[in-house]
Amino acid sequence: MNIFVGNMPFSMNDSDLSDASTRFGEVTSARIITDRDSGRSRGFGFVEMPSDQEARTAINELSNMDVDGRILKVNEAKPRNDRRY
C-alpha cells in the first residue's frame, strides 16, 4: 500500500520518514517530494509498505503525530489521475 504523509517539517529527509514508518512494519520505500528547482522539501512524501495491515497501522499511528511542531496528515495515497494540459 502506498501512504501519503503531509504537513511534514521541511527538515525531515527520506531516512527520517522511513525510520518513523518502520516502527509499524516493513517499508519498501520512503520518499519526500522536493522542489524541482531548489531541491528543498515540499513538505510531503510517500511511504510504500507491502503489508496492507501494517500500512493501516502506520496510517493510524502517524496521523496527527506532532513532529517538530507540525501535525502530520497521513492517509492512503490516491492513484495519480491523468493530467489535463
Protein backbone atom coordinates (compact mmCIF):
# COMPACT_ATOMS: atom_id res chain seq x y z
CA MET A 1 0.00 0.00 0.00
CA ASN A 2 1.18 3.49 -0.80
CA ILE A 3 0.78 6.03 2.02
CA PHE A 4 0.68 9.82 1.68
CA VAL A 5 2.34 11.78 4.50
CA GLY A 6 1.71 15.53 4.51
CA ASN A 7 2.49 18.59 6.62
CA MET A 8 5.98 17.28 7.40
CA PRO A 9 8.69 19.56 8.75
CA PHE A 10 10.97 20.76 5.94
CA SER A 11 13.96 19.40 7.86
CA MET A 12 12.71 15.81 7.52
CA ASN A 13 14.53 13.62 4.98
CA ASP A 14 13.83 10.24 3.32
CA SER A 15 15.67 8.37 6.07
CA ASP A 16 13.66 10.11 8.82
CA LEU A 17 10.41 9.24 7.04
CA SER A 18 11.49 5.62 6.64
CA ASP A 19 12.56 5.37 10.30
CA ALA A 20 9.23 6.76 11.51
CA SER A 21 7.34 4.24 9.38
CA THR A 22 9.39 1.10 10.06
CA ARG A 23 8.18 1.10 13.66
CA PHE A 24 4.90 -0.23 12.25
CA GLY A 25 6.20 -2.72 9.68
CA GLU A 26 8.35 -3.29 6.62
CA VAL A 27 8.93 -0.28 4.39
CA THR A 28 9.71 -0.85 0.71
CA SER A 29 10.42 2.81 0.02
CA ALA A 30 10.09 6.22 1.62
CA ARG A 31 10.48 9.36 -0.45
CA ILE A 32 9.99 13.03 0.29
CA ILE A 33 8.94 15.12 -2.68
CA THR A 34 11.29 18.01 -3.38
CA ASP A 35 11.03 21.18 -5.41
CA ARG A 36 12.45 20.65 -8.87
CA ASP A 37 14.39 23.93 -8.91
CA SER A 38 15.58 24.40 -5.32
CA GLY A 39 15.77 20.76 -4.19
CA ARG A 40 14.00 21.77 -0.98
CA SER A 41 11.32 19.54 0.58
CA ARG A 42 7.76 20.38 -0.41
CA GLY A 43 6.53 19.13 2.98
CA PHE A 44 5.02 15.85 1.86
CA GLY A 45 6.07 12.40 0.79
CA PHE A 46 5.11 8.80 0.21
CA VAL A 47 5.81 5.53 2.00
CA GLU A 48 5.33 2.17 0.32
CA MET A 49 4.58 -0.80 2.58
CA PRO A 50 3.97 -4.32 1.23
CA SER A 51 1.52 -5.32 4.00
CA ASP A 52 -1.84 -3.54 3.92
CA GLN A 53 -2.39 -4.32 7.60
CA GLU A 54 0.95 -2.79 8.63
CA ALA A 55 0.25 0.19 6.36
CA ARG A 56 -3.12 0.80 8.01
CA THR A 57 -1.46 0.61 11.42
CA ALA A 58 1.14 3.15 10.28
CA ILE A 59 -1.60 5.45 8.96
CA ASN A 60 -3.47 5.29 12.28
CA GLU A 61 -0.37 5.77 14.42
CA LEU A 62 1.30 8.51 12.35
CA SER A 63 -1.88 10.54 11.74
CA ASN A 64 -1.93 13.66 13.91
CA MET A 65 1.55 12.91 15.29
CA ASP A 66 3.49 16.04 16.25
CA VAL A 67 6.90 16.14 14.56
CA ASP A 68 8.94 19.27 15.28
CA GLY A 69 5.77 21.28 15.90
CA ARG A 70 3.95 20.10 12.77
CA ILE A 71 0.97 17.74 12.91
CA LEU A 72 1.31 15.01 10.28
CA LYS A 73 -1.58 14.33 7.91
CA VAL A 74 -1.45 10.69 6.83
CA ASN A 75 -3.75 8.63 4.62
CA GLU A 76 -3.77 6.07 1.84
CA ALA A 77 -2.35 7.65 -1.29
CA LYS A 78 -4.81 8.04 -4.14
CA PRO A 79 -3.79 6.91 -7.62
CA ARG A 80 -2.47 9.70 -9.74
CA ASN A 81 -5.00 10.75 -12.39
CA ASP A 82 -4.00 11.64 -15.90
CA ARG A 83 -3.18 15.32 -16.02
CA ARG A 84 -5.05 17.61 -18.37
CA TYR A 85 -2.99 20.08 -20.34
